Amino acid sequence: MLDEPTTGLHPADTEVLLRQLHGLVDAGNTVVVVEHDMAVVAGADHVIDLGPGGGAEGGRVVAVGSPREVATATGSATAPYLAEALGNGR
C-alpha cells in the first residue's frame, strides 16, 4: 500500500515507479495506491473514487471500476480529469 508515491517525483521517475509497480502486479502481488496523478490512475486495473469532495465533504464511494468506467461516472469530480488522461476528454 502506497500513499501518494508520485509526490515530488519528476515525470521520468514516475514512469520508473509505475514499471516497478506493474512488475509487482505481474508477479502476482496486490498493489494498492492512493493517488491524485491521473496518469497513474489511468494505468490502474481498478479504481475506487471517493468523494464527492475532500476532507469532511468526502469519504463516500462515488465510482468503482476500470479507469474507463470511472472516467464516465456521473457525480465524480475525478471523471473529467481521468477522461482527459485517457485521451477521451468529455
PDB file of N, CA and C in Angstrom:
ATOM      1  N   MET A   1       0.853  -1.160   0.000  1.00  0.00           N
ATOM      2  CA  MET A   1       0.000   0.000   0.000  1.00  0.00           C
ATOM      3  C   MET A   1       0.897   1.219   0.000  1.00  0.00           C
ATOM      4  N   LEU A   2       0.625   2.111  -0.947  1.00  0.00           N
ATOM      5  CA  LEU A   2       1.391   3.339  -1.068  1.00  0.00           C
ATOM      6  C   LEU A   2       0.451   4.535  -1.054  1.00  0.00           C
ATOM      7  N   ASP A   3       0.845   5.578  -0.356  1.00  0.00           N
ATOM      8  CA  ASP A   3       0.044   6.792  -0.257  1.00  0.00           C
ATOM      9  C   ASP A   3       0.761   7.908  -0.999  1.00  0.00           C
ATOM     10  N   GLU A   4       0.201   8.315  -2.139  1.00  0.00           N
ATOM     11  CA  GLU A   4       0.737   9.400  -2.966  1.00  0.00           C
ATOM     12  C   GLU A   4       2.230   9.199  -3.296  1.00  0.00           C
ATOM     13  N   PRO A   5       2.606   8.058  -3.867  1.00  0.00           N
ATOM     14  CA  PRO A   5       4.026   7.799  -4.118  1.00  0.00           C
ATOM     15  C   PRO A   5       4.658   8.695  -5.173  1.00  0.00           C
ATOM     16  N   THR A   6       3.862   9.396  -5.975  1.00  0.00           N
ATOM     17  CA  THR A   6       4.453  10.238  -7.016  1.00  0.00           C
ATOM     18  C   THR A   6       4.722  11.668  -6.551  1.00  0.00           C
ATOM     19  N   THR A   7       4.324  11.996  -5.339  1.00  0.00           N
ATOM     20  CA  THR A   7       4.514  13.361  -4.845  1.00  0.00           C
ATOM     21  C   THR A   7       5.991  13.746  -4.917  1.00  0.00           C
ATOM     22  N   GLY A   8       6.267  14.820  -5.633  1.00  0.00           N
ATOM     23  CA  GLY A   8       7.625  15.332  -5.743  1.00  0.00           C
ATOM     24  C   GLY A   8       8.478  14.643  -6.795  1.00  0.00           C
ATOM     25  N   LEU A   9       7.947  13.635  -7.469  1.00  0.00           N
ATOM     26  CA  LEU A   9       8.741  12.935  -8.474  1.00  0.00           C
ATOM     27  C   LEU A   9       8.701  13.653  -9.822  1.00  0.00           C
ATOM     28  N   HIS A  10       9.815  13.592 -10.518  1.00  0.00           N
ATOM     29  CA  HIS A  10       9.882  14.045 -11.912  1.00  0.00           C
ATOM     30  C   HIS A  10       9.078  13.042 -12.737  1.00  0.00           C
ATOM     31  N   PRO A  11       8.424  13.476 -13.816  1.00  0.00           N
ATOM     32  CA  PRO A  11       7.653  12.534 -14.625  1.00  0.00           C
ATOM     33  C   PRO A  11       8.446  11.293 -15.065  1.00  0.00           C
ATOM     34  N   ALA A  12       9.725  11.439 -15.335  1.00  0.00           N
ATOM     35  CA  ALA A  12      10.537  10.274 -15.715  1.00  0.00           C
ATOM     36  C   ALA A  12      10.646   9.293 -14.548  1.00  0.00           C
ATOM     37  N   ASP A  13      10.724   9.813 -13.340  1.00  0.00           N
ATOM     38  CA  ASP A  13      10.790   8.948 -12.161  1.00  0.00           C
ATOM     39  C   ASP A  13       9.443   8.276 -11.901  1.00  0.00           C
ATOM     40  N   THR A  14       8.358   8.976 -12.229  1.00  0.00           N
ATOM     41  CA  THR A  14       7.031   8.377 -12.095  1.00  0.00           C
ATOM     42  C   THR A  14       6.910   7.174 -13.019  1.00  0.00           C
ATOM     43  N   GLU A  15       7.440   7.282 -14.232  1.00  0.00           N
ATOM     44  CA  GLU A  15       7.418   6.156 -15.173  1.00  0.00           C
ATOM     45  C   GLU A  15       8.184   4.960 -14.621  1.00  0.00           C
ATOM     46  N   VAL A  16       9.328   5.213 -13.980  1.00  0.00           N
ATOM     47  CA  VAL A  16      10.108   4.135 -13.374  1.00  0.00           C
ATOM     48  C   VAL A  16       9.304   3.485 -12.248  1.00  0.00           C
ATOM     49  N   LEU A  17       8.681   4.306 -11.411  1.00  0.00           N
ATOM     50  CA  LEU A  17       7.860   3.785 -10.321  1.00  0.00           C
ATOM     51  C   LEU A  17       6.735   2.914 -10.867  1.00  0.00           C
ATOM     52  N   LEU A  18       6.058   3.372 -11.912  1.00  0.00           N
ATOM     53  CA  LEU A  18       4.955   2.609 -12.488  1.00  0.00           C
ATOM     54  C   LEU A  18       5.423   1.271 -13.042  1.00  0.00           C
ATOM     55  N   ARG A  19       6.591   1.243 -13.687  1.00  0.00           N
ATOM     56  CA  ARG A  19       7.131  -0.033 -14.178  1.00  0.00           C
ATOM     57  C   ARG A  19       7.356  -0.993 -13.025  1.00  0.00           C
ATOM     58  N   GLN A  20       7.856  -0.478 -11.911  1.00  0.00           N
ATOM     59  CA  GLN A  20       8.107  -1.326 -10.742  1.00  0.00           C
ATOM     60  C   GLN A  20       6.793  -1.839 -10.154  1.00  0.00           C
ATOM     61  N   LEU A  21       5.816  -0.974 -10.050  1.00  0.00           N
ATOM     62  CA  LEU A  21       4.516  -1.382  -9.501  1.00  0.00           C
ATOM     63  C   LEU A  21       3.850  -2.427 -10.398  1.00  0.00           C
ATOM     64  N   HIS A  22       3.902  -2.214 -11.712  1.00  0.00           N
ATOM     65  CA  HIS A  22       3.330  -3.198 -12.636  1.00  0.00           C
ATOM     66  C   HIS A  22       4.091  -4.516 -12.554  1.00  0.00           C
ATOM     67  N   GLY A  23       5.392  -4.448 -12.297  1.00  0.00           N
ATOM     68  CA  GLY A  23       6.176  -5.668 -12.105  1.00  0.00           C
ATOM     69  C   GLY A  23       5.710  -6.445 -10.888  1.00  0.00           C
ATOM     70  N   LEU A  24       5.381  -5.740  -9.823  1.00  0.00           N
ATOM     71  CA  LEU A  24       4.852  -6.401  -8.623  1.00  0.00           C
ATOM     72  C   LEU A  24       3.515  -7.077  -8.920  1.00  0.00           C
ATOM     73  N   VAL A  25       2.656  -6.386  -9.665  1.00  0.00           N
ATOM     74  CA  VAL A  25       1.352  -6.955 -10.024  1.00  0.00           C
ATOM     75  C   VAL A  25       1.547  -8.171 -10.935  1.00  0.00           C
ATOM     76  N   ASP A  26       2.427  -8.048 -11.910  1.00  0.00           N
ATOM     77  CA  ASP A  26       2.685  -9.157 -12.829  1.00  0.00           C
ATOM     78  C   ASP A  26       3.216 -10.384 -12.105  1.00  0.00           C
ATOM     79  N   ALA A  27       3.883 -10.169 -10.966  1.00  0.00           N
ATOM     80  CA  ALA A  27       4.420 -11.272 -10.166  1.00  0.00           C
ATOM     81  C   ALA A  27       3.365 -11.865  -9.232  1.00  0.00           C
ATOM     82  N   GLY A  28       2.130 -11.351  -9.312  1.00  0.00           N
ATOM     83  CA  GLY A  28       1.036 -11.911  -8.528  1.00  0.00           C
ATOM     84  C   GLY A  28       0.720 -11.182  -7.242  1.00  0.00           C
ATOM     85  N   ASN A  29       1.323 -10.027  -7.046  1.00  0.00           N
ATOM     86  CA  ASN A  29       1.074  -9.245  -5.831  1.00  0.00           C
ATOM     87  C   ASN A  29      -0.088  -8.278  -6.028  1.00  0.00           C
ATOM     88  N   THR A  30      -0.711  -7.907  -4.928  1.00  0.00           N
ATOM     89  CA  THR A  30      -1.734  -6.870  -4.936  1.00  0.00           C
ATOM     90  C   THR A  30      -1.078  -5.562  -4.538  1.00  0.00           C
ATOM     91  N   VAL A  31      -1.308  -4.524  -5.319  1.00  0.00           N
ATOM     92  CA  VAL A  31      -0.745  -3.205  -5.039  1.00  0.00           C
ATOM     93  C   VAL A  31      -1.904  -2.232  -4.904  1.00  0.00           C
ATOM     94  N   VAL A  32      -1.955  -1.539  -3.784  1.00  0.00           N
ATOM     95  CA  VAL A  32      -2.984  -0.528  -3.535  1.00  0.00           C
ATOM     96  C   VAL A  32      -2.277   0.817  -3.463  1.00  0.00           C
ATOM     97  N   VAL A  33      -2.739   1.765  -4.277  1.00  0.00           N
ATOM     98  CA  VAL A  33      -2.109   3.080  -4.342  1.00  0.00           C
ATOM     99  C   VAL A  33      -3.176   4.150  -4.159  1.00  0.00           C
ATOM    100  N   VAL A  34      -2.952   5.051  -3.230  1.00  0.00           N
ATOM    101  CA  VAL A  34      -3.783   6.247  -3.076  1.00  0.00           C
ATOM    102  C   VAL A  34      -3.067   7.319  -3.877  1.00  0.00           C
ATOM    103  N   GLU A  35      -3.731   7.865  -4.901  1.00  0.00           N
ATOM    104  CA  GLU A  35      -3.016   8.751  -5.820  1.00  0.00           C
ATOM    105  C   GLU A  35      -3.943   9.777  -6.446  1.00  0.00           C
ATOM    106  N   HIS A  36      -3.393  10.958  -6.747  1.00  0.00           N
ATOM    107  CA  HIS A  36      -4.121  12.011  -7.446  1.00  0.00           C
ATOM    108  C   HIS A  36      -3.561  12.243  -8.847  1.00  0.00           C
ATOM    109  N   ASP A  37      -2.427  11.646  -9.173  1.00  0.00           N
ATOM    110  CA  ASP A  37      -1.825  11.780 -10.501  1.00  0.00           C
ATOM    111  C   ASP A  37      -2.661  10.953 -11.479  1.00  0.00           C
ATOM    112  N   MET A  38      -3.349  11.633 -12.399  1.00  0.00           N
ATOM    113  CA  MET A  38      -4.282  10.941 -13.290  1.00  0.00           C
ATOM    114  C   MET A  38      -3.585   9.971 -14.233  1.00  0.00           C
ATOM    115  N   ALA A  39      -2.323  10.194 -14.557  1.00  0.00           N
ATOM    116  CA  ALA A  39      -1.599   9.225 -15.390  1.00  0.00           C
ATOM    117  C   ALA A  39      -1.447   7.902 -14.644  1.00  0.00           C
ATOM    118  N   VAL A  40      -1.234   7.984 -13.345  1.00  0.00           N
ATOM    119  CA  VAL A  40      -1.118   6.776 -12.523  1.00  0.00           C
ATOM    120  C   VAL A  40      -2.485   6.101 -12.414  1.00  0.00           C
ATOM    121  N   VAL A  41      -3.516   6.891 -12.157  1.00  0.00           N
ATOM    122  CA  VAL A  41      -4.869   6.345 -12.036  1.00  0.00           C
ATOM    123  C   VAL A  41      -5.287   5.696 -13.361  1.00  0.00           C
ATOM    124  N   ALA A  42      -4.959   6.330 -14.475  1.00  0.00           N
ATOM    125  CA  ALA A  42      -5.331   5.801 -15.789  1.00  0.00           C
ATOM    126  C   ALA A  42      -4.682   4.451 -16.065  1.00  0.00           C
ATOM    127  N   GLY A  43      -3.537   4.181 -15.441  1.00  0.00           N
ATOM    128  CA  GLY A  43      -2.842   2.918 -15.645  1.00  0.00           C
ATOM    129  C   GLY A  43      -3.240   1.821 -14.679  1.00  0.00           C
ATOM    130  N   ALA A  44      -4.203   2.097 -13.822  1.00  0.00           N
ATOM    131  CA  ALA A  44      -4.631   1.120 -12.819  1.00  0.00           C
ATOM    132  C   ALA A  44      -5.537   0.057 -13.437  1.00  0.00           C
ATOM    133  N   ASP A  45      -5.609  -1.075 -12.781  1.00  0.00           N
ATOM    134  CA  ASP A  45      -6.549  -2.124 -13.181  1.00  0.00           C
ATOM    135  C   ASP A  45      -7.948  -1.818 -12.668  1.00  0.00           C
ATOM    136  N   HIS A  46      -8.021  -1.224 -11.468  1.00  0.00           N
ATOM    137  CA  HIS A  46      -9.296  -0.992 -10.797  1.00  0.00           C
ATOM    138  C   HIS A  46      -9.192   0.316 -10.019  1.00  0.00           C
ATOM    139  N   VAL A  47     -10.225   1.123 -10.076  1.00  0.00           N
ATOM    140  CA  VAL A  47     -10.227   2.429  -9.416  1.00  0.00           C
ATOM    141  C   VAL A  47     -11.418   2.510  -8.466  1.00  0.00           C
ATOM    142  N   ILE A  48     -11.164   3.043  -7.284  1.00  0.00           N
ATOM    143  CA  ILE A  48     -12.229   3.373  -6.335  1.00  0.00           C
ATOM    144  C   ILE A  48     -12.131   4.879  -6.115  1.00  0.00           C
ATOM    145  N   ASP A  49     -13.126   5.594  -6.571  1.00  0.00           N
ATOM    146  CA  ASP A  49     -13.147   7.055  -6.479  1.00  0.00           C
ATOM    147  C   ASP A  49     -13.974   7.447  -5.267  1.00  0.00           C
ATOM    148  N   LEU A  50     -13.338   8.157  -4.343  1.00  0.00           N
ATOM    149  CA  LEU A  50     -14.015   8.624  -3.138  1.00  0.00           C
ATOM    150  C   LEU A  50     -14.344  10.098  -3.285  1.00  0.00           C
ATOM    151  N   GLY A  51     -15.412  10.529  -2.663  1.00  0.00           N
ATOM    152  CA  GLY A  51     -15.779  11.925  -2.774  1.00  0.00           C
ATOM    153  C   GLY A  51     -17.061  12.188  -2.023  1.00  0.00           C
ATOM    154  N   PRO A  52     -17.848  13.132  -2.416  1.00  0.00           N
ATOM    155  CA  PRO A  52     -17.704  13.878  -3.655  1.00  0.00           C
ATOM    156  C   PRO A  52     -16.675  14.996  -3.577  1.00  0.00           C
ATOM    157  N   GLY A  53     -16.243  15.368  -2.396  1.00  0.00           N
ATOM    158  CA  GLY A  53     -15.212  16.386  -2.235  1.00  0.00           C
ATOM    159  C   GLY A  53     -14.105  15.843  -1.349  1.00  0.00           C
ATOM    160  N   GLY A  54     -13.310  16.740  -0.811  1.00  0.00           N
ATOM    161  CA  GLY A  54     -12.225  16.338   0.080  1.00  0.00           C
ATOM    162  C   GLY A  54     -12.577  16.579   1.532  1.00  0.00           C
ATOM    163  N   GLY A  55     -11.767  16.049   2.423  1.00  0.00           N
ATOM    164  CA  GLY A  55     -11.955  16.262   3.852  1.00  0.00           C
ATOM    165  C   GLY A  55     -13.319  15.813   4.326  1.00  0.00           C
ATOM    166  N   ALA A  56     -14.003  16.690   5.062  1.00  0.00           N
ATOM    167  CA  ALA A  56     -15.321  16.366   5.607  1.00  0.00           C
ATOM    168  C   ALA A  56     -16.366  16.175   4.508  1.00  0.00           C
ATOM    169  N   GLU A  57     -16.071  16.653   3.300  1.00  0.00           N
ATOM    170  CA  GLU A  57     -17.008  16.538   2.171  1.00  0.00           C
ATOM    171  C   GLU A  57     -16.811  15.237   1.384  1.00  0.00           C
ATOM    172  N   GLY A  58     -15.880  14.404   1.839  1.00  0.00           N
ATOM    173  CA  GLY A  58     -15.579  13.184   1.090  1.00  0.00           C
ATOM    174  C   GLY A  58     -15.855  11.937   1.900  1.00  0.00           C
ATOM    175  N   GLY A  59     -15.266  10.847   1.439  1.00  0.00           N
ATOM    176  CA  GLY A  59     -15.365   9.606   2.184  1.00  0.00           C
ATOM    177  C   GLY A  59     -16.418   8.641   1.700  1.00  0.00           C
ATOM    178  N   ARG A  60     -17.196   9.039   0.699  1.00  0.00           N
ATOM    179  CA  ARG A  60     -18.189   8.124   0.135  1.00  0.00           C
ATOM    180  C   ARG A  60     -17.674   7.596  -1.201  1.00  0.00           C
ATOM    181  N   VAL A  61     -18.029   6.368  -1.536  1.00  0.00           N
ATOM    182  CA  VAL A  61     -17.642   5.808  -2.821  1.00  0.00           C
ATOM    183  C   VAL A  61     -18.515   6.456  -3.896  1.00  0.00           C
ATOM    184  N   VAL A  62     -17.869   7.117  -4.848  1.00  0.00           N
ATOM    185  CA  VAL A  62     -18.557   7.824  -5.921  1.00  0.00           C
ATOM    186  C   VAL A  62     -18.606   6.964  -7.184  1.00  0.00           C
ATOM    187  N   ALA A  63     -17.514   6.238  -7.445  1.00  0.00           N
ATOM    188  CA  ALA A  63     -17.449   5.400  -8.644  1.00  0.00           C
ATOM    189  C   ALA A  63     -16.450   4.275  -8.408  1.00  0.00           C
ATOM    190  N   VAL A  64     -16.724   3.140  -9.051  1.00  0.00           N
ATOM    191  CA  VAL A  64     -15.848   1.967  -8.941  1.00  0.00           C
ATOM    192  C   VAL A  64     -15.788   1.306 -10.301  1.00  0.00           C
ATOM    193  N   GLY A  65     -14.609   0.857 -10.679  1.00  0.00           N
ATOM    194  CA  GLY A  65     -14.475   0.106 -11.927  1.00  0.00           C
ATOM    195  C   GLY A  65     -13.142   0.342 -12.581  1.00  0.00           C
ATOM    196  N   SER A  66     -13.081   0.020 -13.860  1.00  0.00           N
ATOM    197  CA  SER A  66     -11.865   0.264 -14.632  1.00  0.00           C
ATOM    198  C   SER A  66     -11.698   1.775 -14.782  1.00  0.00           C
ATOM    199  N   PRO A  67     -10.502   2.242 -15.132  1.00  0.00           N
ATOM    200  CA  PRO A  67     -10.343   3.684 -15.354  1.00  0.00           C
ATOM    201  C   PRO A  67     -11.339   4.233 -16.384  1.00  0.00           C
ATOM    202  N   ARG A  68     -11.602   3.482 -17.444  1.00  0.00           N
ATOM    203  CA  ARG A  68     -12.553   3.939 -18.467  1.00  0.00           C
ATOM    204  C   ARG A  68     -13.974   4.043 -17.899  1.00  0.00           C
ATOM    205  N   GLU A  69     -14.344   3.114 -17.035  1.00  0.00           N
ATOM    206  CA  GLU A  69     -15.672   3.179 -16.417  1.00  0.00           C
ATOM    207  C   GLU A  69     -15.781   4.372 -15.478  1.00  0.00           C
ATOM    208  N   VAL A  70     -14.772   4.587 -14.659  1.00  0.00           N
ATOM    209  CA  VAL A  70     -14.795   5.706 -13.712  1.00  0.00           C
ATOM    210  C   VAL A  70     -14.757   7.029 -14.463  1.00  0.00           C
ATOM    211  N   ALA A  71     -14.082   7.083 -15.601  1.00  0.00           N
ATOM    212  CA  ALA A  71     -13.989   8.312 -16.396  1.00  0.00           C
ATOM    213  C   ALA A  71     -15.338   8.770 -16.925  1.00  0.00           C
ATOM    214  N   THR A  72     -16.317   7.875 -16.958  1.00  0.00           N
ATOM    215  CA  THR A  72     -17.649   8.245 -17.457  1.00  0.00           C
ATOM    216  C   THR A  72     -18.679   8.357 -16.336  1.00  0.00           C
ATOM    217  N   ALA A  73     -18.245   8.219 -15.091  1.00  0.00           N
ATOM    218  CA  ALA A  73     -19.171   8.235 -13.954  1.00  0.00           C
ATOM    219  C   ALA A  73     -19.742   9.634 -13.733  1.00  0.00           C
ATOM    220  N   THR A  74     -21.054   9.702 -13.614  1.00  0.00           N
ATOM    221  CA  THR A  74     -21.689  10.977 -13.291  1.00  0.00           C
ATOM    222  C   THR A  74     -21.541  11.207 -11.789  1.00  0.00           C
ATOM    223  N   GLY A  75     -21.378  12.439 -11.401  1.00  0.00           N
ATOM    224  CA  GLY A  75     -21.230  12.758  -9.985  1.00  0.00           C
ATOM    225  C   GLY A  75     -19.814  12.610  -9.468  1.00  0.00           C
ATOM    226  N   SER A  76     -18.871  12.301 -10.345  1.00  0.00           N
ATOM    227  CA  SER A  76     -17.476  12.144  -9.946  1.00  0.00           C
ATOM    228  C   SER A  76     -16.679  13.367 -10.371  1.00  0.00           C
ATOM    229  N   ALA A  77     -16.048  14.035  -9.408  1.00  0.00           N
ATOM    230  CA  ALA A  77     -15.189  15.171  -9.738  1.00  0.00           C
ATOM    231  C   ALA A  77     -13.932  14.699 -10.458  1.00  0.00           C
ATOM    232  N   THR A  78     -13.564  13.448 -10.264  1.00  0.00           N
ATOM    233  CA  THR A  78     -12.369  12.869 -10.882  1.00  0.00           C
ATOM    234  C   THR A  78     -12.598  12.535 -12.347  1.00  0.00           C
ATOM    235  N   ALA A  79     -13.817  12.172 -12.708  1.00  0.00           N
ATOM    236  CA  ALA A  79     -14.124  11.643 -14.042  1.00  0.00           C
ATOM    237  C   ALA A  79     -13.595  12.490 -15.198  1.00  0.00           C
ATOM    238  N   PRO A  80     -13.825  13.798 -15.246  1.00  0.00           N
ATOM    239  CA  PRO A  80     -13.349  14.557 -16.410  1.00  0.00           C
ATOM    240  C   PRO A  80     -11.826  14.574 -16.517  1.00  0.00           C
ATOM    241  N   TYR A  81     -11.138  14.606 -15.390  1.00  0.00           N
ATOM    242  CA  TYR A  81      -9.671  14.611 -15.408  1.00  0.00           C
ATOM    243  C   TYR A  81      -9.129  13.254 -15.843  1.00  0.00           C
ATOM    244  N   LEU A  82      -9.784  12.202 -15.382  1.00  0.00           N
ATOM    245  CA  LEU A  82      -9.383  10.853 -15.776  1.00  0.00           C
ATOM    246  C   LEU A  82      -9.676  10.637 -17.257  1.00  0.00           C
ATOM    247  N   ALA A  83     -10.818  11.120 -17.736  1.00  0.00           N
ATOM    248  CA  ALA A  83     -11.138  11.012 -19.159  1.00  0.00           C
ATOM    249  C   ALA A  83     -10.076  11.710 -20.005  1.00  0.00           C
ATOM    250  N   GLU A  84      -9.632  12.860 -19.547  1.00  0.00           N
ATOM    251  CA  GLU A  84      -8.584  13.606 -20.268  1.00  0.00           C
ATOM    252  C   GLU A  84      -7.279  12.808 -20.267  1.00  0.00           C
ATOM    253  N   ALA A  85      -6.926  12.231 -19.133  1.00  0.00           N
ATOM    254  CA  ALA A  85      -5.697  11.432 -19.045  1.00  0.00           C
ATOM    255  C   ALA A  85      -5.762  10.202 -19.944  1.00  0.00           C
ATOM    256  N   LEU A  86      -6.958   9.686 -20.144  1.00  0.00           N
ATOM    257  CA  LEU A  86      -7.148   8.521 -21.010  1.00  0.00           C
ATOM    258  C   LEU A  86      -7.234   8.932 -22.480  1.00  0.00           C
ATOM    259  N   GLY A  87      -7.274  10.239 -22.732  1.00  0.00           N
ATOM    260  CA  GLY A  87      -7.325  10.719 -24.111  1.00  0.00           C
ATOM    261  C   GLY A  87      -8.713  10.826 -24.681  1.00  0.00           C
ATOM    262  N   ASN A  88      -9.716  10.802 -23.834  1.00  0.00           N
ATOM    263  CA  ASN A  88     -11.093  10.940 -24.323  1.00  0.00           C
ATOM    264  C   ASN A  88     -11.869  11.924 -23.459  1.00  0.00           C
ATOM    265  N   GLY A  89     -11.322  13.147 -23.347  1.00  0.00           N
ATOM    266  CA  GLY A  89     -11.968  14.169 -22.517  1.00  0.00           C
ATOM    267  C   GLY A  89     -13.437  14.345 -22.852  1.00  0.00           C
ATOM    268  N   ARG A  90     -14.212  14.699 -21.819  1.00  0.00           N
ATOM    269  CA  ARG A  90     -15.655  14.839 -22.018  1.00  0.00           C
ATOM    270  C   ARG A  90     -15.996  16.252 -22.391  1.00  0.00           C
TER     271      ARG A  90
END
